[in-house]
Amino acid sequence: MLRKSLRALRTDYVDLWLVHWPPNRAQASRQIWTSCAGLRDEGLARAIGVSNYDLAQIDDLISAAGEAPAVNQVRWSPSRHDPAMLAGHQERGVVLEGYSPLKDSRLGDPVITGIADGHGSPPRRWCCAGTWSTASRSSPSPQHPERIAANLDLLGFSLSEDEVARIDALAR
């Protein structure tokens, strides 16, 4: 699959190759992970990771292959903030990359609108910013060009520790 993708992309490697969903069986997951490591070792991917794995599944990969994924991409938003999950990834040296931070977010929540108003920007930007500040990374999934442009500006500001804590508290 990776080789076919590389041909279609007309490139020799990708920066990150992810196993998108854990297979139904642990043995299959270990075999896929070992294959991914082999492709990385061949130089076809710079890093390998997973998506939608829980910590027990990551531990299984580590015990089977002796290495952790570089990244675990999971659904993450202010309403899904989970300090234990974040800490578990950090303990294992796995970057937690959140995707779809707006999907479960209540953009009209007074916490989000208050922070957004205080910075003079739309609530969606500050919702993504809070997710970016909390999880290791955040990947919004916009479908409109103007939203894509706005999301690219996520690193052009910073939230205070209090603002991040207020956004994180929305999950409680």
N, C-alpha and C. Protein backbone atom coordinates (compact mmCIF):
# COMPACT_ATOMS: atom_id res chain seq x y z
N MET A 1 0.82 -1.19 0.00
CA MET A 1 0.00 0.00 0.00
C MET A 1 0.87 1.26 0.00
N LEU A 2 1.89 1.31 0.84
CA LEU A 2 2.75 2.49 0.89
C LEU A 2 3.47 2.69 -0.43
N ARG A 3 4.00 1.63 -1.00
CA ARG A 3 4.71 1.76 -2.28
C ARG A 3 3.78 2.32 -3.37
N LYS A 4 2.54 1.85 -3.40
CA LYS A 4 1.57 2.34 -4.38
C LYS A 4 1.30 3.82 -4.14
N SER A 5 1.16 4.20 -2.88
CA SER A 5 0.93 5.62 -2.54
C SER A 5 2.12 6.48 -2.95
N LEU A 6 3.32 5.99 -2.72
CA LEU A 6 4.51 6.75 -3.09
C LEU A 6 4.57 6.97 -4.61
N ARG A 7 4.22 5.93 -5.36
CA ARG A 7 4.19 6.09 -6.83
C ARG A 7 3.16 7.14 -7.23
N ALA A 8 1.97 7.07 -6.63
CA ALA A 8 0.92 8.04 -6.96
C ALA A 8 1.33 9.46 -6.58
N LEU A 9 2.06 9.58 -5.48
CA LEU A 9 2.52 10.90 -5.03
C LEU A 9 3.79 11.37 -5.74
N ARG A 10 4.40 10.46 -6.48
CA ARG A 10 5.66 10.75 -7.18
C ARG A 10 6.74 11.24 -6.21
N THR A 11 6.91 10.45 -5.17
CA THR A 11 7.94 10.74 -4.17
C THR A 11 8.55 9.43 -3.70
N ASP A 12 9.69 9.54 -3.06
CA ASP A 12 10.40 8.35 -2.59
C ASP A 12 10.06 7.98 -1.16
N TYR A 13 9.47 8.91 -0.41
CA TYR A 13 9.15 8.64 0.99
C TYR A 13 8.05 9.59 1.46
N VAL A 14 7.46 9.25 2.60
CA VAL A 14 6.53 10.15 3.28
C VAL A 14 7.13 10.48 4.65
N ASP A 15 6.75 11.60 5.19
CA ASP A 15 7.26 11.98 6.50
C ASP A 15 6.67 11.12 7.61
N LEU A 16 5.38 10.75 7.48
CA LEU A 16 4.72 9.97 8.50
C LEU A 16 3.75 9.00 7.86
N TRP A 17 3.82 7.74 8.25
CA TRP A 17 2.91 6.70 7.77
C TRP A 17 2.15 6.18 8.97
N LEU A 18 0.81 6.26 8.91
CA LEU A 18 -0.03 5.87 10.05
C LEU A 18 -0.84 4.61 9.77
N VAL A 19 -0.99 3.78 10.80
CA VAL A 19 -1.97 2.71 10.80
C VAL A 19 -3.25 3.40 11.27
N HIS A 20 -4.25 3.50 10.39
CA HIS A 20 -5.40 4.35 10.67
C HIS A 20 -6.31 3.85 11.78
N TRP A 21 -6.61 2.59 11.83
CA TRP A 21 -7.45 2.01 12.88
C TRP A 21 -6.79 0.74 13.37
N PRO A 22 -6.90 0.43 14.66
CA PRO A 22 -6.35 -0.84 15.13
C PRO A 22 -7.15 -2.01 14.55
N PRO A 23 -6.46 -3.05 14.10
CA PRO A 23 -7.17 -4.24 13.63
C PRO A 23 -7.94 -4.88 14.79
N ASN A 24 -8.84 -5.77 14.46
CA ASN A 24 -9.66 -6.44 15.47
C ASN A 24 -8.86 -7.37 16.37
N ARG A 25 -7.76 -7.88 15.88
CA ARG A 25 -6.96 -8.84 16.65
C ARG A 25 -5.60 -8.24 16.99
N ALA A 26 -5.14 -8.48 18.21
CA ALA A 26 -3.85 -7.95 18.65
C ALA A 26 -2.71 -8.48 17.77
N GLN A 27 -2.78 -9.74 17.39
CA GLN A 27 -1.72 -10.33 16.56
C GLN A 27 -1.62 -9.60 15.22
N ALA A 28 -2.75 -9.29 14.61
CA ALA A 28 -2.75 -8.56 13.34
C ALA A 28 -2.14 -7.18 13.54
N SER A 29 -2.46 -6.53 14.63
CA SER A 29 -1.91 -5.21 14.92
C SER A 29 -0.39 -5.27 15.03
N ARG A 30 0.12 -6.29 15.71
CA ARG A 30 1.58 -6.45 15.86
C ARG A 30 2.23 -6.70 14.51
N GLN A 31 1.61 -7.52 13.67
CA GLN A 31 2.18 -7.80 12.35
C GLN A 31 2.21 -6.54 11.48
N ILE A 32 1.13 -5.79 11.51
CA ILE A 32 1.08 -4.55 10.74
C ILE A 32 2.15 -3.58 11.23
N TRP A 33 2.29 -3.47 12.55
CA TRP A 33 3.27 -2.55 13.13
C TRP A 33 4.69 -2.95 12.74
N THR A 34 4.98 -4.24 12.77
CA THR A 34 6.30 -4.72 12.36
C THR A 34 6.56 -4.41 10.89
N SER A 35 5.52 -4.56 10.06
CA SER A 35 5.65 -4.22 8.63
C SER A 35 5.92 -2.74 8.44
N CYS A 36 5.22 -1.92 9.20
CA CYS A 36 5.43 -0.47 9.10
C CYS A 36 6.87 -0.11 9.49
N ALA A 37 7.36 -0.75 10.54
CA ALA A 37 8.74 -0.49 10.97
C ALA A 37 9.72 -0.88 9.87
N GLY A 38 9.44 -1.99 9.19
CA GLY A 38 10.30 -2.41 8.08
C GLY A 38 10.30 -1.41 6.94
N LEU A 39 9.13 -0.86 6.61
CA LEU A 39 9.03 0.15 5.56
C LEU A 39 9.79 1.41 5.95
N ARG A 40 9.69 1.78 7.21
CA ARG A 40 10.45 2.93 7.70
C ARG A 40 11.95 2.66 7.60
N ASP A 41 12.35 1.46 8.01
CA ASP A 41 13.77 1.09 7.95
C ASP A 41 14.31 1.07 6.53
N GLU A 42 13.43 0.83 5.55
CA GLU A 42 13.82 0.88 4.14
C GLU A 42 13.92 2.31 3.62
N GLY A 43 13.51 3.27 4.44
CA GLY A 43 13.56 4.67 4.03
C GLY A 43 12.32 5.16 3.32
N LEU A 44 11.24 4.36 3.34
CA LEU A 44 10.02 4.77 2.66
C LEU A 44 9.16 5.71 3.51
N ALA A 45 9.43 5.76 4.80
CA ALA A 45 8.75 6.68 5.71
C ALA A 45 9.78 7.15 6.74
N ARG A 46 9.73 8.42 7.06
CA ARG A 46 10.65 8.93 8.09
C ARG A 46 10.22 8.52 9.49
N ALA A 47 8.92 8.44 9.70
CA ALA A 47 8.38 8.06 11.01
C ALA A 47 7.11 7.25 10.78
N ILE A 48 6.76 6.45 11.79
CA ILE A 48 5.54 5.64 11.72
C ILE A 48 4.71 5.90 12.97
N GLY A 49 3.41 5.81 12.80
CA GLY A 49 2.53 6.06 13.92
C GLY A 49 1.22 5.32 13.75
N VAL A 50 0.31 5.62 14.64
CA VAL A 50 -1.00 4.98 14.64
C VAL A 50 -2.08 6.03 14.79
N SER A 51 -3.30 5.61 14.59
CA SER A 51 -4.44 6.50 14.75
C SER A 51 -5.55 5.72 15.45
N ASN A 52 -6.16 6.35 16.42
CA ASN A 52 -7.29 5.78 17.14
C ASN A 52 -6.93 4.57 18.01
N TYR A 53 -5.70 4.50 18.50
CA TYR A 53 -5.28 3.45 19.41
C TYR A 53 -5.43 3.94 20.84
N ASP A 54 -5.80 3.03 21.74
CA ASP A 54 -5.82 3.38 23.16
C ASP A 54 -4.46 3.03 23.75
N LEU A 55 -4.24 3.40 25.01
CA LEU A 55 -2.93 3.19 25.62
C LEU A 55 -2.57 1.72 25.74
N ALA A 56 -3.53 0.85 26.01
CA ALA A 56 -3.26 -0.58 26.10
C ALA A 56 -2.79 -1.13 24.75
N GLN A 57 -3.40 -0.66 23.67
CA GLN A 57 -2.99 -1.10 22.34
C GLN A 57 -1.59 -0.59 22.00
N ILE A 58 -1.27 0.62 22.42
CA ILE A 58 0.09 1.14 22.22
C ILE A 58 1.09 0.31 23.02
N ASP A 59 0.74 -0.01 24.26
CA ASP A 59 1.63 -0.84 25.08
C ASP A 59 1.87 -2.19 24.43
N ASP A 60 0.85 -2.76 23.80
CA ASP A 60 1.00 -4.03 23.12
C ASP A 60 2.00 -3.91 21.96
N LEU A 61 1.91 -2.81 21.20
CA LEU A 61 2.87 -2.59 20.11
C LEU A 61 4.29 -2.46 20.65
N ILE A 62 4.42 -1.72 21.73
CA ILE A 62 5.75 -1.51 22.33
C ILE A 62 6.33 -2.85 22.79
N SER A 63 5.52 -3.66 23.45
CA SER A 63 6.03 -4.95 23.95
C SER A 63 6.35 -5.90 22.79
N ALA A 64 5.58 -5.84 21.72
CA ALA A 64 5.80 -6.74 20.58
C ALA A 64 6.98 -6.32 19.71
N ALA A 65 7.16 -5.03 19.53
CA ALA A 65 8.17 -4.56 18.57
C ALA A 65 9.33 -3.80 19.22
N GLY A 66 9.20 -3.48 20.49
CA GLY A 66 10.28 -2.79 21.18
C GLY A 66 10.36 -1.30 20.90
N GLU A 67 9.34 -0.75 20.25
CA GLU A 67 9.34 0.69 20.01
C GLU A 67 7.91 1.22 19.98
N ALA A 68 7.80 2.46 20.40
CA ALA A 68 6.50 3.12 20.44
C ALA A 68 6.25 3.83 19.11
N PRO A 69 5.00 4.02 18.77
CA PRO A 69 4.69 4.86 17.61
C PRO A 69 5.19 6.28 17.86
N ALA A 70 5.56 6.97 16.81
CA ALA A 70 5.97 8.37 16.95
C ALA A 70 4.75 9.22 17.29
N VAL A 71 3.60 8.85 16.75
CA VAL A 71 2.37 9.64 16.86
C VAL A 71 1.17 8.71 17.07
N ASN A 72 0.21 9.16 17.86
CA ASN A 72 -1.12 8.54 17.89
C ASN A 72 -2.11 9.65 17.61
N GLN A 73 -2.81 9.54 16.51
CA GLN A 73 -3.78 10.56 16.12
C GLN A 73 -5.15 10.12 16.64
N VAL A 74 -5.73 10.94 17.51
CA VAL A 74 -7.03 10.61 18.11
C VAL A 74 -7.97 11.81 18.02
N ARG A 75 -9.24 11.52 18.12
CA ARG A 75 -10.22 12.61 18.16
C ARG A 75 -10.03 13.37 19.46
N TRP A 76 -9.87 14.69 19.37
CA TRP A 76 -9.52 15.49 20.55
C TRP A 76 -10.15 16.86 20.40
N SER A 77 -10.75 17.32 21.44
CA SER A 77 -11.37 18.65 21.44
C SER A 77 -11.48 19.09 22.89
N PRO A 78 -11.88 20.34 23.13
CA PRO A 78 -12.05 20.76 24.52
C PRO A 78 -12.97 19.84 25.31
N SER A 79 -14.03 19.35 24.69
CA SER A 79 -14.95 18.48 25.42
C SER A 79 -14.41 17.06 25.60
N ARG A 80 -13.36 16.72 24.90
CA ARG A 80 -12.75 15.39 25.02
C ARG A 80 -11.41 15.43 25.76
N HIS A 81 -11.05 16.57 26.32
CA HIS A 81 -9.78 16.69 27.03
C HIS A 81 -9.69 15.62 28.11
N ASP A 82 -8.58 14.88 28.12
CA ASP A 82 -8.39 13.79 29.07
C ASP A 82 -6.96 13.84 29.58
N PRO A 83 -6.73 14.44 30.75
CA PRO A 83 -5.37 14.58 31.28
C PRO A 83 -4.64 13.24 31.42
N ALA A 84 -5.35 12.18 31.81
CA ALA A 84 -4.70 10.87 31.98
C ALA A 84 -4.22 10.34 30.63
N MET A 85 -5.03 10.51 29.59
CA MET A 85 -4.64 10.05 28.26
C MET A 85 -3.42 10.84 27.76
N LEU A 86 -3.45 12.15 27.96
CA LEU A 86 -2.33 12.99 27.55
C LEU A 86 -1.07 12.58 28.30
N ALA A 87 -1.16 12.39 29.60
CA ALA A 87 -0.01 11.98 30.41
C ALA A 87 0.50 10.61 29.97
N GLY A 88 -0.41 9.69 29.68
CA GLY A 88 0.00 8.36 29.24
C GLY A 88 0.80 8.39 27.95
N HIS A 89 0.40 9.24 27.03
CA HIS A 89 1.15 9.38 25.79
C HIS A 89 2.53 10.00 26.05
N GLN A 90 2.56 11.01 26.89
CA GLN A 90 3.83 11.65 27.21
C GLN A 90 4.79 10.67 27.88
N GLU A 91 4.29 9.85 28.80
CA GLU A 91 5.12 8.84 29.47
C GLU A 91 5.72 7.85 28.48
N ARG A 92 5.02 7.56 27.42
CA ARG A 92 5.48 6.60 26.43
C ARG A 92 6.28 7.26 25.30
N GLY A 93 6.40 8.57 25.33
CA GLY A 93 7.13 9.28 24.28
C GLY A 93 6.39 9.34 22.97
N VAL A 94 5.06 9.27 23.02
CA VAL A 94 4.21 9.28 21.82
C VAL A 94 3.54 10.65 21.72
N VAL A 95 3.68 11.29 20.56
CA VAL A 95 3.00 12.56 20.33
C VAL A 95 1.51 12.28 20.17
N LEU A 96 0.71 12.96 20.93
CA LEU A 96 -0.74 12.87 20.79
C LEU A 96 -1.16 13.95 19.81
N GLU A 97 -1.68 13.54 18.66
CA GLU A 97 -2.15 14.49 17.67
C GLU A 97 -3.67 14.43 17.65
N GLY A 98 -4.30 15.54 17.99
CA GLY A 98 -5.75 15.58 17.99
C GLY A 98 -6.29 15.92 16.62
N TYR A 99 -7.38 15.27 16.24
CA TYR A 99 -8.03 15.64 14.99
C TYR A 99 -9.48 16.04 15.26
N SER A 100 -10.03 16.82 14.38
CA SER A 100 -11.41 17.31 14.43
C SER A 100 -11.76 18.02 15.75
N PRO A 101 -10.97 19.02 16.15
CA PRO A 101 -11.25 19.68 17.42
C PRO A 101 -12.57 20.45 17.44
N LEU A 102 -13.14 20.75 16.30
CA LEU A 102 -14.38 21.52 16.28
C LEU A 102 -15.62 20.62 16.28
N LYS A 103 -15.45 19.36 15.95
CA LYS A 103 -16.59 18.46 15.78
C LYS A 103 -17.45 18.35 17.05
N ASP A 104 -16.85 18.20 18.19
CA ASP A 104 -17.60 18.04 19.44
C ASP A 104 -17.61 19.31 20.29
N SER A 105 -17.12 20.39 19.74
CA SER A 105 -16.99 21.62 20.53
C SER A 105 -18.27 22.44 20.51
N ARG A 106 -18.52 23.06 21.62
CA ARG A 106 -19.65 23.98 21.74
C ARG A 106 -19.11 25.40 21.56
N LEU A 107 -19.08 25.85 20.31
CA LEU A 107 -18.47 27.14 20.00
C LEU A 107 -19.18 28.32 20.65
N GLY A 108 -20.42 28.12 21.07
CA GLY A 108 -21.16 29.17 21.74
C GLY A 108 -20.96 29.17 23.25
N ASP A 109 -20.16 28.24 23.77
CA ASP A 109 -19.91 28.17 25.21
C ASP A 109 -19.30 29.49 25.67
N PRO A 110 -19.77 30.04 26.80
CA PRO A 110 -19.25 31.32 27.29
C PRO A 110 -17.74 31.33 27.51
N VAL A 111 -17.15 30.20 27.87
CA VAL A 111 -15.70 30.16 28.04
C VAL A 111 -15.01 30.42 26.71
N ILE A 112 -15.44 29.71 25.68
CA ILE A 112 -14.81 29.85 24.36
C ILE A 112 -15.10 31.22 23.77
N THR A 113 -16.35 31.69 23.85
CA THR A 113 -16.66 33.00 23.28
C THR A 113 -15.97 34.11 24.06
N GLY A 114 -15.83 33.94 25.37
CA GLY A 114 -15.14 34.95 26.18
C GLY A 114 -13.68 35.07 25.80
N ILE A 115 -13.02 33.94 25.63
CA ILE A 115 -11.61 33.95 25.22
C ILE A 115 -11.48 34.54 23.82
N ALA A 116 -12.35 34.11 22.92
CA ALA A 116 -12.31 34.61 21.54
C ALA A 116 -12.54 36.12 21.51
N ASP A 117 -13.55 36.60 22.24
CA ASP A 117 -13.83 38.04 22.27
C ASP A 117 -12.65 38.82 22.82
N GLY A 118 -12.01 38.26 23.84
CA GLY A 118 -10.85 38.92 24.45
C GLY A 118 -9.67 39.07 23.51
N HIS A 119 -9.62 38.20 22.50
CA HIS A 119 -8.53 38.26 21.52
C HIS A 119 -8.98 38.81 20.18
N GLY A 120 -10.28 39.12 20.07
CA GLY A 120 -10.79 39.68 18.83
C GLY A 120 -10.76 38.72 17.65
N SER A 121 -11.01 37.45 17.91
CA SER A 121 -11.00 36.44 16.85
C SER A 121 -12.21 35.53 16.98
N PRO A 122 -12.52 34.78 15.92
CA PRO A 122 -13.68 33.90 15.98
C PRO A 122 -13.48 32.74 16.97
N PRO A 123 -14.56 32.26 17.60
CA PRO A 123 -14.47 31.16 18.57
C PRO A 123 -13.78 29.91 18.02
N ARG A 124 -13.98 29.57 16.75
CA ARG A 124 -13.37 28.35 16.21
C ARG A 124 -11.85 28.41 16.32
N ARG A 125 -11.27 29.59 16.14
CA ARG A 125 -9.81 29.72 16.23
C ARG A 125 -9.33 29.42 17.63
N TRP A 126 -10.05 29.90 18.62
CA TRP A 126 -9.61 29.72 20.01
C TRP A 126 -9.94 28.33 20.52
N CYS A 127 -10.93 27.72 19.96
CA CYS A 127 -11.22 26.33 20.29
C CYS A 127 -10.07 25.45 19.77
N CYS A 128 -9.65 25.69 18.55
CA CYS A 128 -8.51 24.95 18.00
C CYS A 128 -7.24 25.28 18.76
N ALA A 129 -7.09 26.54 19.15
CA ALA A 129 -5.90 26.96 19.89
C ALA A 129 -5.81 26.25 21.23
N GLY A 130 -6.93 26.15 21.92
CA GLY A 130 -6.93 25.45 23.20
C GLY A 130 -6.57 23.99 23.02
N THR A 131 -7.08 23.39 21.97
CA THR A 131 -6.76 22.00 21.68
C THR A 131 -5.28 21.88 21.33
N TRP A 132 -4.76 22.83 20.54
CA TRP A 132 -3.34 22.82 20.16
C TRP A 132 -2.47 22.96 21.41
N SER A 133 -2.86 23.81 22.32
CA SER A 133 -2.06 24.05 23.51
C SER A 133 -2.09 22.87 24.48
N THR A 134 -3.15 22.08 24.44
CA THR A 134 -3.33 20.98 25.37
C THR A 134 -2.75 19.69 24.81
N ALA A 135 -3.23 19.27 23.65
CA ALA A 135 -2.68 18.08 23.01
C ALA A 135 -1.35 18.48 22.38
N SER A 136 -0.58 17.50 22.02
CA SER A 136 0.71 17.80 21.42
C SER A 136 0.55 18.49 20.08
N ARG A 137 -0.47 18.12 19.34
CA ARG A 137 -0.76 18.71 18.04
C ARG A 137 -2.27 18.66 17.83
N SER A 138 -2.76 19.48 16.93
CA SER A 138 -4.18 19.46 16.60
C SER A 138 -4.35 19.63 15.10
N SER A 139 -5.25 18.85 14.52
CA SER A 139 -5.49 18.90 13.09
C SER A 139 -6.97 19.18 12.81
N PRO A 140 -7.32 20.45 12.62
CA PRO A 140 -8.70 20.74 12.23
C PRO A 140 -8.98 20.12 10.87
N SER A 141 -10.24 19.89 10.59
CA SER A 141 -10.62 19.28 9.31
C SER A 141 -11.55 20.22 8.53
N PRO A 142 -11.05 21.37 8.11
CA PRO A 142 -11.91 22.34 7.43
C PRO A 142 -12.22 21.91 6.00
N GLN A 143 -13.34 22.42 5.50
CA GLN A 143 -13.72 22.14 4.13
C GLN A 143 -13.86 23.41 3.30
N HIS A 144 -13.72 24.57 3.92
CA HIS A 144 -13.86 25.83 3.21
C HIS A 144 -12.51 26.55 3.17
N PRO A 145 -12.13 27.10 2.00
CA PRO A 145 -10.82 27.75 1.87
C PRO A 145 -10.54 28.82 2.91
N GLU A 146 -11.55 29.62 3.27
CA GLU A 146 -11.31 30.69 4.25
C GLU A 146 -11.02 30.11 5.64
N ARG A 147 -11.62 28.97 5.95
CA ARG A 147 -11.34 28.32 7.25
C ARG A 147 -9.96 27.69 7.24
N ILE A 148 -9.55 27.14 6.11
CA ILE A 148 -8.20 26.57 6.00
C ILE A 148 -7.18 27.67 6.26
N ALA A 149 -7.36 28.82 5.64
CA ALA A 149 -6.43 29.94 5.83
C ALA A 149 -6.40 30.39 7.29
N ALA A 150 -7.56 30.46 7.92
CA ALA A 150 -7.61 30.87 9.33
C ALA A 150 -6.92 29.84 10.22
N ASN A 151 -7.10 28.56 9.93
CA ASN A 151 -6.47 27.52 10.73
C ASN A 151 -4.95 27.51 10.60
N LEU A 152 -4.44 27.96 9.46
CA LEU A 152 -3.00 28.01 9.28
C LEU A 152 -2.34 29.02 10.20
N ASP A 153 -3.13 29.93 10.74
CA ASP A 153 -2.61 30.97 11.62
C ASP A 153 -2.64 30.57 13.10
N LEU A 154 -2.83 29.29 13.40
CA LEU A 154 -2.94 28.84 14.78
C LEU A 154 -1.69 29.10 15.61
N LEU A 155 -0.55 29.19 14.97
CA LEU A 155 0.69 29.39 15.73
C LEU A 155 1.04 30.86 15.90
N GLY A 156 0.24 31.75 15.36
CA GLY A 156 0.56 33.17 15.41
C GLY A 156 0.05 33.86 16.67
N PHE A 157 -0.15 33.15 17.76
CA PHE A 157 -0.68 33.72 18.99
C PHE A 157 -0.35 32.78 20.12
N SER A 158 -0.69 33.18 21.32
CA SER A 158 -0.56 32.26 22.45
C SER A 158 -1.69 32.51 23.43
N LEU A 159 -2.09 31.46 24.11
CA LEU A 159 -3.09 31.54 25.16
C LEU A 159 -2.38 31.54 26.50
N SER A 160 -2.97 32.20 27.46
CA SER A 160 -2.40 32.18 28.81
C SER A 160 -2.68 30.81 29.43
N GLU A 161 -1.94 30.49 30.49
CA GLU A 161 -2.18 29.22 31.19
C GLU A 161 -3.61 29.17 31.71
N ASP A 162 -4.12 30.31 32.18
CA ASP A 162 -5.49 30.36 32.67
C ASP A 162 -6.49 30.06 31.56
N GLU A 163 -6.27 30.62 30.37
CA GLU A 163 -7.17 30.38 29.25
C GLU A 163 -7.16 28.90 28.85
N VAL A 164 -5.98 28.30 28.79
CA VAL A 164 -5.89 26.88 28.45
C VAL A 164 -6.62 26.06 29.52
N ALA A 165 -6.42 26.38 30.80
CA ALA A 165 -7.07 25.64 31.88
C ALA A 165 -8.59 25.77 31.79
N ARG A 166 -9.08 26.97 31.44
CA ARG A 166 -10.53 27.17 31.31
C ARG A 166 -11.10 26.35 30.16
N ILE A 167 -10.37 26.28 29.05
CA ILE A 167 -10.82 25.47 27.91
C ILE A 167 -10.77 23.98 28.27
N ASP A 168 -9.68 23.55 28.93
CA ASP A 168 -9.56 22.15 29.33
C ASP A 168 -10.68 21.73 30.27
N ALA A 169 -11.12 22.65 31.11
CA ALA A 169 -12.16 22.35 32.11
C ALA A 169 -13.52 22.08 31.45
N LEU A 170 -13.68 22.40 30.18
CA LEU A 170 -14.94 22.15 29.50
C LEU A 170 -15.25 20.65 29.41
N ALA A 171 -14.24 19.80 29.55
CA ALA A 171 -14.46 18.35 29.47
C ALA A 171 -14.98 17.77 30.77
N ARG A 172 -14.88 18.51 31.83
CA ARG A 172 -15.28 17.97 33.15
C ARG A 172 -16.75 18.08 33.38
